[in-house]
PDB file of N, CA and C in Angstrom:
ATOM      1  N   UNK A   1     -64.922  10.836  -1.734  1.00  0.00           N
ATOM      2  CA  UNK A   1     -63.798  10.692  -2.964  1.00  0.00           C
ATOM      3  C   UNK A   1     -62.526  11.221  -2.569  1.00  0.00           C
ATOM      4  N   UNK A   2     -62.548  12.089  -1.515  1.00  0.00           N
ATOM      5  CA  UNK A   2     -61.782  13.368  -0.927  1.00  0.00           C
ATOM      6  C   UNK A   2     -60.844  12.252   0.009  1.00  0.00           C
ATOM      7  N   UNK A   3     -61.071  11.231   0.461  1.00  0.00           N
ATOM      8  CA  UNK A   3     -60.735  10.711   1.197  1.00  0.00           C
ATOM      9  C   UNK A   3     -59.701   9.776   0.277  1.00  0.00           C
ATOM     10  N   UNK A   4     -60.235   9.322  -0.678  1.00  0.00           N
ATOM     11  CA  UNK A   4     -59.507   8.420  -1.192  1.00  0.00           C
ATOM     12  C   UNK A   4     -57.827   8.936  -2.122  1.00  0.00           C
ATOM     13  N   UNK A   5     -58.360  10.162  -2.291  1.00  0.00           N
ATOM     14  CA  UNK A   5     -57.133  11.116  -3.404  1.00  0.00           C
ATOM     15  C   UNK A   5     -55.991  11.648  -2.024  1.00  0.00           C
ATOM     16  N   UNK A   6     -56.695  11.550  -0.692  1.00  0.00           N
ATOM     17  CA  UNK A   6     -55.701  12.519   0.269  1.00  0.00           C
ATOM     18  C   UNK A   6     -55.061  11.033   0.944  1.00  0.00           C
ATOM     19  N   UNK A   7     -55.695  10.299   0.580  1.00  0.00           N
ATOM     20  CA  UNK A   7     -54.892   8.949   1.287  1.00  0.00           C
ATOM     21  C   UNK A   7     -53.868   8.448   0.112  1.00  0.00           C
ATOM     22  N   UNK A   8     -54.207   8.389  -1.430  1.00  0.00           N
ATOM     23  CA  UNK A   8     -53.171   8.064  -2.268  1.00  0.00           C
ATOM     24  C   UNK A   8     -52.131   8.931  -2.253  1.00  0.00           C
ATOM     25  N   UNK A   9     -52.214  10.137  -1.976  1.00  0.00           N
ATOM     26  CA  UNK A   9     -51.244  11.310  -2.032  1.00  0.00           C
ATOM     27  C   UNK A   9     -50.476  10.871  -0.344  1.00  0.00           C
ATOM     28  N   UNK A  10     -51.198  10.597   0.756  1.00  0.00           N
ATOM     29  CA  UNK A  10     -49.999  10.563   1.374  1.00  0.00           C
ATOM     30  C   UNK A  10     -49.302   8.783   1.130  1.00  0.00           C
ATOM     31  N   UNK A  11     -49.792   7.979   0.666  1.00  0.00           N
ATOM     32  CA  UNK A  11     -48.553   6.503  -0.128  1.00  0.00           C
ATOM     33  C   UNK A  11     -48.180   7.073  -0.476  1.00  0.00           C
ATOM     34  N   UNK A  12     -47.974   8.287  -1.684  1.00  0.00           N
ATOM     35  CA  UNK A  12     -47.130   8.370  -2.837  1.00  0.00           C
ATOM     36  C   UNK A  12     -45.958   9.200  -2.034  1.00  0.00           C
ATOM     37  N   UNK A  13     -46.096  10.239  -1.299  1.00  0.00           N
ATOM     38  CA  UNK A  13     -45.093  10.630  -0.625  1.00  0.00           C
ATOM     39  C   UNK A  13     -44.172   9.528   0.864  1.00  0.00           C
ATOM     40  N   UNK A  14     -45.169   8.964   0.965  1.00  0.00           N
ATOM     41  CA  UNK A  14     -44.825   7.973   1.825  1.00  0.00           C
ATOM     42  C   UNK A  14     -43.260   6.898   0.827  1.00  0.00           C
ATOM     43  N   UNK A  15     -44.226   6.618  -0.092  1.00  0.00           N
ATOM     44  CA  UNK A  15     -43.097   5.690  -0.909  1.00  0.00           C
ATOM     45  C   UNK A  15     -42.489   6.701  -1.656  1.00  0.00           C
ATOM     46  N   UNK A  16     -42.535   8.057  -2.142  1.00  0.00           N
ATOM     47  CA  UNK A  16     -40.844   8.909  -2.861  1.00  0.00           C
ATOM     48  C   UNK A  16     -39.945   8.777  -1.753  1.00  0.00           C
ATOM     49  N   UNK A  17     -40.548   8.963  -0.777  1.00  0.00           N
ATOM     50  CA  UNK A  17     -39.063   9.455   0.856  1.00  0.00           C
ATOM     51  C   UNK A  17     -39.037   8.296   1.270  1.00  0.00           C
ATOM     52  N   UNK A  18     -39.260   7.056   0.639  1.00  0.00           N
ATOM     53  CA  UNK A  18     -38.710   5.456   1.090  1.00  0.00           C
ATOM     54  C   UNK A  18     -38.026   5.135   0.199  1.00  0.00           C
ATOM     55  N   UNK A  19     -37.926   5.365  -1.517  1.00  0.00           N
ATOM     56  CA  UNK A  19     -37.474   5.063  -2.167  1.00  0.00           C
ATOM     57  C   UNK A  19     -35.808   6.380  -1.661  1.00  0.00           C
ATOM     58  N   UNK A  20     -36.304   7.470  -1.747  1.00  0.00           N
ATOM     59  CA  UNK A  20     -35.027   8.057  -1.664  1.00  0.00           C
ATOM     60  C   UNK A  20     -34.062   8.197  -0.405  1.00  0.00           C
ATOM     61  N   UNK A  21     -34.292   7.842   0.552  1.00  0.00           N
ATOM     62  CA  UNK A  21     -34.196   7.132   1.813  1.00  0.00           C
ATOM     63  C   UNK A  21     -33.184   5.903   1.189  1.00  0.00           C
ATOM     64  N   UNK A  22     -33.542   5.124   0.625  1.00  0.00           N
ATOM     65  CA  UNK A  22     -33.180   3.785   0.310  1.00  0.00           C
ATOM     66  C   UNK A  22     -31.978   4.492  -0.379  1.00  0.00           C
ATOM     67  N   UNK A  23     -31.901   5.166  -1.169  1.00  0.00           N
ATOM     68  CA  UNK A  23     -31.181   4.996  -2.708  1.00  0.00           C
ATOM     69  C   UNK A  23     -29.745   5.743  -1.647  1.00  0.00           C
ATOM     70  N   UNK A  24     -30.221   7.142  -0.897  1.00  0.00           N
ATOM     71  CA  UNK A  24     -29.171   7.335  -0.121  1.00  0.00           C
ATOM     72  C   UNK A  24     -28.741   6.519   0.406  1.00  0.00           C
ATOM     73  N   UNK A  25     -29.595   5.702   1.437  1.00  0.00           N
ATOM     74  CA  UNK A  25     -28.121   4.651   1.964  1.00  0.00           C
ATOM     75  C   UNK A  25     -27.677   3.641   1.511  1.00  0.00           C
ATOM     76  N   UNK A  26     -27.970   2.991   0.792  1.00  0.00           N
ATOM     77  CA  UNK A  26     -27.415   2.321   0.139  1.00  0.00           C
ATOM     78  C   UNK A  26     -25.937   2.923  -0.701  1.00  0.00           C
ATOM     79  N   UNK A  27     -26.312   4.300  -1.301  1.00  0.00           N
ATOM     80  CA  UNK A  27     -25.067   5.001  -1.635  1.00  0.00           C
ATOM     81  C   UNK A  27     -23.707   4.853  -0.634  1.00  0.00           C
ATOM     82  N   UNK A  28     -24.194   5.416   0.935  1.00  0.00           N
ATOM     83  CA  UNK A  28     -23.600   5.722   1.679  1.00  0.00           C
ATOM     84  C   UNK A  28     -22.866   4.288   2.216  1.00  0.00           C
ATOM     85  N   UNK A  29     -23.199   3.502   1.861  1.00  0.00           N
ATOM     86  CA  UNK A  29     -22.501   1.934   2.145  1.00  0.00           C
ATOM     87  C   UNK A  29     -21.480   1.226   1.012  1.00  0.00           C
ATOM     88  N   UNK A  30     -22.223   1.700  -0.199  1.00  0.00           N
ATOM     89  CA  UNK A  30     -21.836   0.558  -1.583  1.00  0.00           C
ATOM     90  C   UNK A  30     -21.650   1.718  -2.761  1.00  0.00           C
ATOM     91  N   UNK A  31     -21.482   3.216  -2.625  1.00  0.00           N
ATOM     92  CA  UNK A  31     -21.556   4.071  -3.603  1.00  0.00           C
ATOM     93  C   UNK A  31     -19.852   4.152  -3.493  1.00  0.00           C
ATOM     94  N   UNK A  32     -19.503   4.932  -4.543  1.00  0.00           N
ATOM     95  CA  UNK A  32     -17.890   4.890  -4.690  1.00  0.00           C
ATOM     96  C   UNK A  32     -17.272   5.878  -3.467  1.00  0.00           C
ATOM     97  N   UNK A  33     -18.182   6.525  -2.877  1.00  0.00           N
ATOM     98  CA  UNK A  33     -17.326   6.955  -1.847  1.00  0.00           C
ATOM     99  C   UNK A  33     -18.155   6.234  -0.808  1.00  0.00           C
ATOM    100  N   UNK A  34     -18.604   5.076  -0.585  1.00  0.00           N
ATOM    101  CA  UNK A  34     -19.240   4.673   0.312  1.00  0.00           C
ATOM    102  C   UNK A  34     -18.492   3.941   1.762  1.00  0.00           C
ATOM    103  N   UNK A  35     -18.765   3.476   2.891  1.00  0.00           N
ATOM    104  CA  UNK A  35     -18.273   2.986   3.389  1.00  0.00           C
ATOM    105  C   UNK A  35     -17.019   1.816   3.164  1.00  0.00           C
ATOM    106  N   UNK A  36     -17.717   0.654   2.482  1.00  0.00           N
ATOM    107  CA  UNK A  36     -16.893  -0.357   2.225  1.00  0.00           C
ATOM    108  C   UNK A  36     -15.625  -0.457   1.298  1.00  0.00           C
ATOM    109  N   UNK A  37     -16.523   1.304   0.524  1.00  0.00           N
ATOM    110  CA  UNK A  37     -14.938   1.540  -0.906  1.00  0.00           C
ATOM    111  C   UNK A  37     -14.150   1.873   0.647  1.00  0.00           C
ATOM    112  N   UNK A  38     -14.131   2.935   1.197  1.00  0.00           N
ATOM    113  CA  UNK A  38     -13.611   3.474   2.337  1.00  0.00           C
ATOM    114  C   UNK A  38     -12.571   2.541   3.105  1.00  0.00           C
ATOM    115  N   UNK A  39     -13.332   1.762   3.191  1.00  0.00           N
ATOM    116  CA  UNK A  39     -12.469   0.357   4.040  1.00  0.00           C
ATOM    117  C   UNK A  39     -11.036   0.141   3.092  1.00  0.00           C
ATOM    118  N   UNK A  40     -11.809  -0.480   2.211  1.00  0.00           N
ATOM    119  CA  UNK A  40     -10.793  -1.109   1.184  1.00  0.00           C
ATOM    120  C   UNK A  40      -9.416  -0.166   0.741  1.00  0.00           C
ATOM    121  N   UNK A  41     -10.116   1.158   0.348  1.00  0.00           N
ATOM    122  CA  UNK A  41      -8.592   2.597   0.505  1.00  0.00           C
ATOM    123  C   UNK A  41      -8.098   2.428   1.180  1.00  0.00           C
ATOM    124  N   UNK A  42      -8.625   2.619   2.532  1.00  0.00           N
ATOM    125  CA  UNK A  42      -7.885   2.416   3.816  1.00  0.00           C
ATOM    126  C   UNK A  42      -6.467   1.728   4.170  1.00  0.00           C
ATOM    127  N   UNK A  43      -7.232   0.394   3.538  1.00  0.00           N
ATOM    128  CA  UNK A  43      -6.243  -0.736   3.543  1.00  0.00           C
ATOM    129  C   UNK A  43      -5.329  -0.971   2.558  1.00  0.00           C
ATOM    130  N   UNK A  44      -5.650  -0.050   1.374  1.00  0.00           N
ATOM    131  CA  UNK A  44      -4.779  -0.365   0.019  1.00  0.00           C
ATOM    132  C   UNK A  44      -3.708   0.902   0.834  1.00  0.00           C
ATOM    133  N   UNK A  45      -4.084   2.118   1.349  1.00  0.00           N
ATOM    134  CA  UNK A  45      -3.493   3.393   2.006  1.00  0.00           C
ATOM    135  C   UNK A  45      -2.592   2.455   2.824  1.00  0.00           C
ATOM    136  N   UNK A  46      -2.640   1.784   3.639  1.00  0.00           N
ATOM    137  CA  UNK A  46      -2.042   1.235   4.796  1.00  0.00           C
ATOM    138  C   UNK A  46      -0.937  -0.053   4.251  1.00  0.00           C
ATOM    139  N   UNK A  47      -0.635  -0.278   2.998  1.00  0.00           N
ATOM    140  CA  UNK A  47       0.145  -1.357   2.722  1.00  0.00           C
ATOM    141  C   UNK A  47       0.712  -0.632   1.481  1.00  0.00           C
ATOM    142  N   UNK A  48       0.527   0.334   1.310  1.00  0.00           N
ATOM    143  CA  UNK A  48       1.241   1.299   0.380  1.00  0.00           C
ATOM    144  C   UNK A  48       2.412   2.009   1.090  1.00  0.00           C
ATOM    145  N   UNK A  49       1.676   2.321   2.618  1.00  0.00           N
ATOM    146  CA  UNK A  49       2.680   3.186   3.438  1.00  0.00           C
ATOM    147  C   UNK A  49       3.936   2.390   4.217  1.00  0.00           C
ATOM    148  N   UNK A  50       3.833   1.199   4.367  1.00  0.00           N
ATOM    149  CA  UNK A  50       4.438  -0.293   4.235  1.00  0.00           C
ATOM    150  C   UNK A  50       5.506  -0.208   3.305  1.00  0.00           C
ATOM    151  N   UNK A  51       5.407  -0.534   2.157  1.00  0.00           N
ATOM    152  CA  UNK A  51       5.827  -0.483   0.671  1.00  0.00           C
ATOM    153  C   UNK A  51       6.828   0.712   0.729  1.00  0.00           C
ATOM    154  N   UNK A  52       6.433   1.892   0.912  1.00  0.00           N
ATOM    155  CA  UNK A  52       7.207   3.049   0.864  1.00  0.00           C
ATOM    156  C   UNK A  52       7.909   2.884   1.930  1.00  0.00           C
ATOM    157  N   UNK A  53       7.893   3.057   2.744  1.00  0.00           N
ATOM    158  CA  UNK A  53       8.841   2.641   4.085  1.00  0.00           C
ATOM    159  C   UNK A  53       9.726   2.172   3.855  1.00  0.00           C
ATOM    160  N   UNK A  54       9.339   0.278   3.194  1.00  0.00           N
ATOM    161  CA  UNK A  54      10.426   0.042   3.148  1.00  0.00           C
ATOM    162  C   UNK A  54      11.252  -0.052   1.763  1.00  0.00           C
ATOM    163  N   UNK A  55      10.926   0.677   0.890  1.00  0.00           N
ATOM    164  CA  UNK A  55      11.699   0.889  -0.097  1.00  0.00           C
ATOM    165  C   UNK A  55      12.444   1.826   0.160  1.00  0.00           C
ATOM    166  N   UNK A  56      12.244   3.103   0.898  1.00  0.00           N
ATOM    167  CA  UNK A  56      13.020   4.068   1.348  1.00  0.00           C
ATOM    168  C   UNK A  56      14.103   3.454   2.175  1.00  0.00           C
ATOM    169  N   UNK A  57      14.007   2.843   3.311  1.00  0.00           N
ATOM    170  CA  UNK A  57      15.093   2.084   3.414  1.00  0.00           C
ATOM    171  C   UNK A  57      15.831   1.486   2.651  1.00  0.00           C
ATOM    172  N   UNK A  58      15.551   0.726   2.167  1.00  0.00           N
ATOM    173  CA  UNK A  58      16.334   0.223   0.519  1.00  0.00           C
ATOM    174  C   UNK A  58      17.042   1.189  -0.229  1.00  0.00           C
ATOM    175  N   UNK A  59      16.473   2.005  -0.520  1.00  0.00           N
ATOM    176  CA  UNK A  59      16.903   3.456  -1.055  1.00  0.00           C
ATOM    177  C   UNK A  59      18.254   3.707  -0.176  1.00  0.00           C
ATOM    178  N   UNK A  60      18.179   3.804   0.971  1.00  0.00           N
ATOM    179  CA  UNK A  60      19.043   4.784   2.145  1.00  0.00           C
ATOM    180  C   UNK A  60      20.287   3.678   2.279  1.00  0.00           C
ATOM    181  N   UNK A  61      19.869   2.003   2.118  1.00  0.00           N
ATOM    182  CA  UNK A  61      20.743   0.847   2.134  1.00  0.00           C
ATOM    183  C   UNK A  61      21.995   1.557   1.427  1.00  0.00           C
ATOM    184  N   UNK A  62      20.942   1.493  -0.032  1.00  0.00           N
ATOM    185  CA  UNK A  62      21.717   1.685  -1.664  1.00  0.00           C
ATOM    186  C   UNK A  62      22.891   2.910  -1.512  1.00  0.00           C
ATOM    187  N   UNK A  63      22.320   3.798  -0.791  1.00  0.00           N
ATOM    188  CA  UNK A  63      23.112   5.522  -0.786  1.00  0.00           C
ATOM    189  C   UNK A  63      24.450   4.946   0.024  1.00  0.00           C
ATOM    190  N   UNK A  64      24.222   4.362   1.079  1.00  0.00           N
ATOM    191  CA  UNK A  64      25.571   3.961   2.274  1.00  0.00           C
ATOM    192  C   UNK A  64      26.110   3.349   1.338  1.00  0.00           C
ATOM    193  N   UNK A  65      26.115   1.704   0.408  1.00  0.00           N
ATOM    194  CA  UNK A  65      26.768   1.107  -0.043  1.00  0.00           C
ATOM    195  C   UNK A  65      27.429   1.749  -1.379  1.00  0.00           C
ATOM    196  N   UNK A  66      26.765   2.680  -2.354  1.00  0.00           N
ATOM    197  CA  UNK A  66      27.198   3.480  -2.794  1.00  0.00           C
ATOM    198  C   UNK A  66      28.214   4.451  -2.481  1.00  0.00           C
ATOM    199  N   UNK A  67      27.853   5.230  -1.388  1.00  0.00           N
ATOM    200  CA  UNK A  67      28.644   6.247  -0.789  1.00  0.00           C
ATOM    201  C   UNK A  67      30.269   5.284  -0.372  1.00  0.00           C
ATOM    202  N   UNK A  68      30.321   4.008   0.087  1.00  0.00           N
ATOM    203  CA  UNK A  68      31.957   3.599   0.101  1.00  0.00           C
ATOM    204  C   UNK A  68      31.980   3.071  -0.875  1.00  0.00           C
ATOM    205  N   UNK A  69      31.806   3.223  -2.081  1.00  0.00           N
ATOM    206  CA  UNK A  69      33.007   2.575  -3.394  1.00  0.00           C
ATOM    207  C   UNK A  69      32.620   4.255  -3.965  1.00  0.00           C
ATOM    208  N   UNK A  70      32.409   5.042  -3.692  1.00  0.00           N
ATOM    209  CA  UNK A  70      32.970   6.361  -4.074  1.00  0.00           C
ATOM    210  C   UNK A  70      34.465   6.598  -4.083  1.00  0.00           C
ATOM    211  N   UNK A  71      35.669   7.340  -5.144  1.00  0.00           N
ATOM    212  CA  UNK A  71      36.834   6.981  -4.767  1.00  0.00           C
ATOM    213  C   UNK A  71      37.772   7.947  -3.865  1.00  0.00           C
ATOM    214  N   UNK A  72      36.485   8.995  -3.586  1.00  0.00           N
ATOM    215  CA  UNK A  72      37.425   9.712  -2.349  1.00  0.00           C
ATOM    216  C   UNK A  72      37.254   8.696  -1.301  1.00  0.00           C
ATOM    217  N   UNK A  73      36.231   8.125  -0.759  1.00  0.00           N
ATOM    218  CA  UNK A  73      36.030   7.543   0.636  1.00  0.00           C
ATOM    219  C   UNK A  73      35.790   5.737   0.177  1.00  0.00           C
ATOM    220  N   UNK A  74      36.558   5.560  -0.456  1.00  0.00           N
ATOM    221  CA  UNK A  74      36.930   4.217  -0.725  1.00  0.00           C
ATOM    222  C   UNK A  74      37.248   3.504   0.736  1.00  0.00           C
ATOM    223  N   UNK A  75      36.059   2.500   0.720  1.00  0.00           N
ATOM    224  CA  UNK A  75      36.042   1.306   1.937  1.00  0.00           C
ATOM    225  C   UNK A  75      37.005   0.093   1.430  1.00  0.00           C
ATOM    226  N   UNK A  76      38.049  -0.122   1.281  1.00  0.00           N
ATOM    227  CA  UNK A  76      38.089  -1.267   0.948  1.00  0.00           C
ATOM    228  C   UNK A  76      38.040  -2.710   1.709  1.00  0.00           C
ATOM    229  N   UNK A  77      37.345  -2.443   2.683  1.00  0.00           N
ATOM    230  CA  UNK A  77      36.815  -3.668   3.833  1.00  0.00           C
ATOM    231  C   UNK A  77      35.548  -4.170   2.941  1.00  0.00           C
ATOM    232  N   UNK A  78      34.790  -3.024   2.803  1.00  0.00           N
ATOM    233  CA  UNK A  78      33.395  -3.244   2.093  1.00  0.00           C
ATOM    234  C   UNK A  78      33.746  -3.938   0.654  1.00  0.00           C
ATOM    235  N   UNK A  79      34.810  -3.354  -0.326  1.00  0.00           N
ATOM    236  CA  UNK A  79      35.234  -3.443  -1.682  1.00  0.00           C
ATOM    237  C   UNK A  79      35.736  -4.923  -1.512  1.00  0.00           C
ATOM    238  N   UNK A  80      36.169  -5.560  -0.412  1.00  0.00           N
ATOM    239  CA  UNK A  80      36.744  -7.067  -0.475  1.00  0.00           C
ATOM    240  C   UNK A  80      35.317  -7.609  -0.554  1.00  0.00           C
ATOM    241  N   UNK A  81      34.654  -7.507   0.287  1.00  0.00           N
ATOM    242  CA  UNK A  81      33.391  -8.249   0.447  1.00  0.00           C
ATOM    243  C   UNK A  81      32.703  -8.513  -0.565  1.00  0.00           C
ATOM    244  N   UNK A  82      32.473  -7.359  -1.123  1.00  0.00           N
ATOM    245  CA  UNK A  82      31.689  -7.378  -2.271  1.00  0.00           C
ATOM    246  C   UNK A  82      32.263  -8.224  -3.226  1.00  0.00           C
ATOM    247  N   UNK A  83      33.852  -8.098  -3.855  1.00  0.00           N
ATOM    248  CA  UNK A  83      34.809  -9.374  -4.357  1.00  0.00           C
ATOM    249  C   UNK A  83      34.270 -10.532  -4.276  1.00  0.00           C
ATOM    250  N   UNK A  84      34.381 -10.601  -3.061  1.00  0.00           N
ATOM    251  CA  UNK A  84      34.662 -12.214  -2.222  1.00  0.00           C
ATOM    252  C   UNK A  84      32.996 -12.670  -2.237  1.00  0.00           C
ATOM    253  N   UNK A  85      31.900 -12.012  -2.412  1.00  0.00           N
ATOM    254  CA  UNK A  85      30.582 -12.592  -2.166  1.00  0.00           C
ATOM    255  C   UNK A  85      30.124 -12.771  -4.159  1.00  0.00           C
ATOM    256  N   UNK A  86      30.577 -11.801  -4.984  1.00  0.00           N
ATOM    257  CA  UNK A  86      30.709 -12.097  -6.364  1.00  0.00           C
ATOM    258  C   UNK A  86      30.876 -13.062  -6.930  1.00  0.00           C
ATOM    259  N   UNK A  87      32.486 -13.433  -6.612  1.00  0.00           N
ATOM    260  CA  UNK A  87      33.272 -14.285  -7.758  1.00  0.00           C
ATOM    261  C   UNK A  87      33.606 -15.249  -6.866  1.00  0.00           C
ATOM    262  N   UNK A  88      33.348 -15.452  -5.631  1.00  0.00           N
ATOM    263  CA  UNK A  88      33.697 -16.458  -4.183  1.00  0.00           C
ATOM    264  C   UNK A  88      34.908 -16.959  -4.716  1.00  0.00           C
ATOM    265  N   UNK A  89      35.791 -15.939  -3.930  1.00  0.00           N
ATOM    266  CA  UNK A  89      37.124 -16.334  -4.291  1.00  0.00           C
ATOM    267  C   UNK A  89      37.412 -15.813  -3.030  1.00  0.00           C
ATOM    268  N   UNK A  90      38.987 -16.581  -2.546  1.00  0.00           N
ATOM    269  CA  UNK A  90      39.290 -16.747  -0.839  1.00  0.00           C
ATOM    270  C   UNK A  90      40.981 -16.251  -1.168  1.00  0.00           C
ATOM    271  N   UNK A  91      41.254 -16.296  -0.037  1.00  0.00           N
ATOM    272  CA  UNK A  91      42.801 -16.545   0.089  1.00  0.00           C
ATOM    273  C   UNK A  91      43.115 -17.537   0.357  1.00  0.00           C
ATOM    274  N   UNK A  92      44.751 -18.283   0.237  1.00  0.00           N
ATOM    275  CA  UNK A  92      45.139 -19.347   0.013  1.00  0.00           C
ATOM    276  C   UNK A  92      44.976 -20.117   1.394  1.00  0.00           C
ATOM    277  N   UNK A  93      44.224 -20.890   1.356  1.00  0.00           N
ATOM    278  CA  UNK A  93      44.090 -21.909   2.473  1.00  0.00           C
ATOM    279  C   UNK A  93      42.771 -21.279   3.730  1.00  0.00           C
ATOM    280  N   UNK A  94      42.284 -20.463   2.758  1.00  0.00           N
ATOM    281  CA  UNK A  94      41.118 -20.004   3.493  1.00  0.00           C
ATOM    282  C   UNK A  94      39.769 -20.917   2.741  1.00  0.00           C
ATOM    283  N   UNK A  95      38.449 -21.101   4.212  1.00  0.00           N
ATOM    284  CA  UNK A  95      37.565 -22.766   3.657  1.00  0.00           C
ATOM    285  C   UNK A  95      36.637 -21.383   3.321  1.00  0.00           C
ATOM    286  N   UNK A  96      35.691 -21.479   2.047  1.00  0.00           N
ATOM    287  CA  UNK A  96      34.473 -20.782   1.572  1.00  0.00           C
ATOM    288  C   UNK A  96      33.622 -21.607   1.756  1.00  0.00           C
ATOM    289  N   UNK A  97      32.538 -20.965   3.082  1.00  0.00           N
ATOM    290  CA  UNK A  97      31.719 -21.840   2.830  1.00  0.00           C
ATOM    291  C   UNK A  97      30.011 -20.868   2.344  1.00  0.00           C
ATOM    292  N   UNK A  98      29.129 -21.755   0.946  1.00  0.00           N
ATOM    293  CA  UNK A  98      28.790 -20.636   0.658  1.00  0.00           C
ATOM    294  C   UNK A  98      27.286 -21.086   0.923  1.00  0.00           C
ATOM    295  N   UNK A  99      26.273 -19.816   0.861  1.00  0.00           N
ATOM    296  CA  UNK A  99      24.737 -20.090   1.240  1.00  0.00           C
ATOM    297  C   UNK A  99      23.985 -20.514  -0.035  1.00  0.00           C
ATOM    298  N   UNK A 100      23.204 -21.307  -0.009  1.00  0.00           N
ATOM    299  CA  UNK A 100      22.292 -21.666  -1.296  1.00  0.00           C
ATOM    300  C   UNK A 100      20.860 -21.742  -0.255  1.00  0.00           C
TER     301      UNK A 100
END
């Protein structure tokens, strides 16, 4: 009878340890802070960094264009380019090519 109880306790201990180990292992791989979640969040982070760089470049370009239109530093060539682009006008005898 003692052997049976000892055997049962050993199996119970092994089973509990196996369950705890499997729980921890699954959470390491698939939990909110697991490996697969880490990989997907890392990809999202990379795409957001690229998007941020693009938006930053666009913002800098708009700042430069805006500074050209300030009354103190008015760039007449840029103003002429905008005027021709938006209203599709030109000088007399000038051929206008539209990009569509």
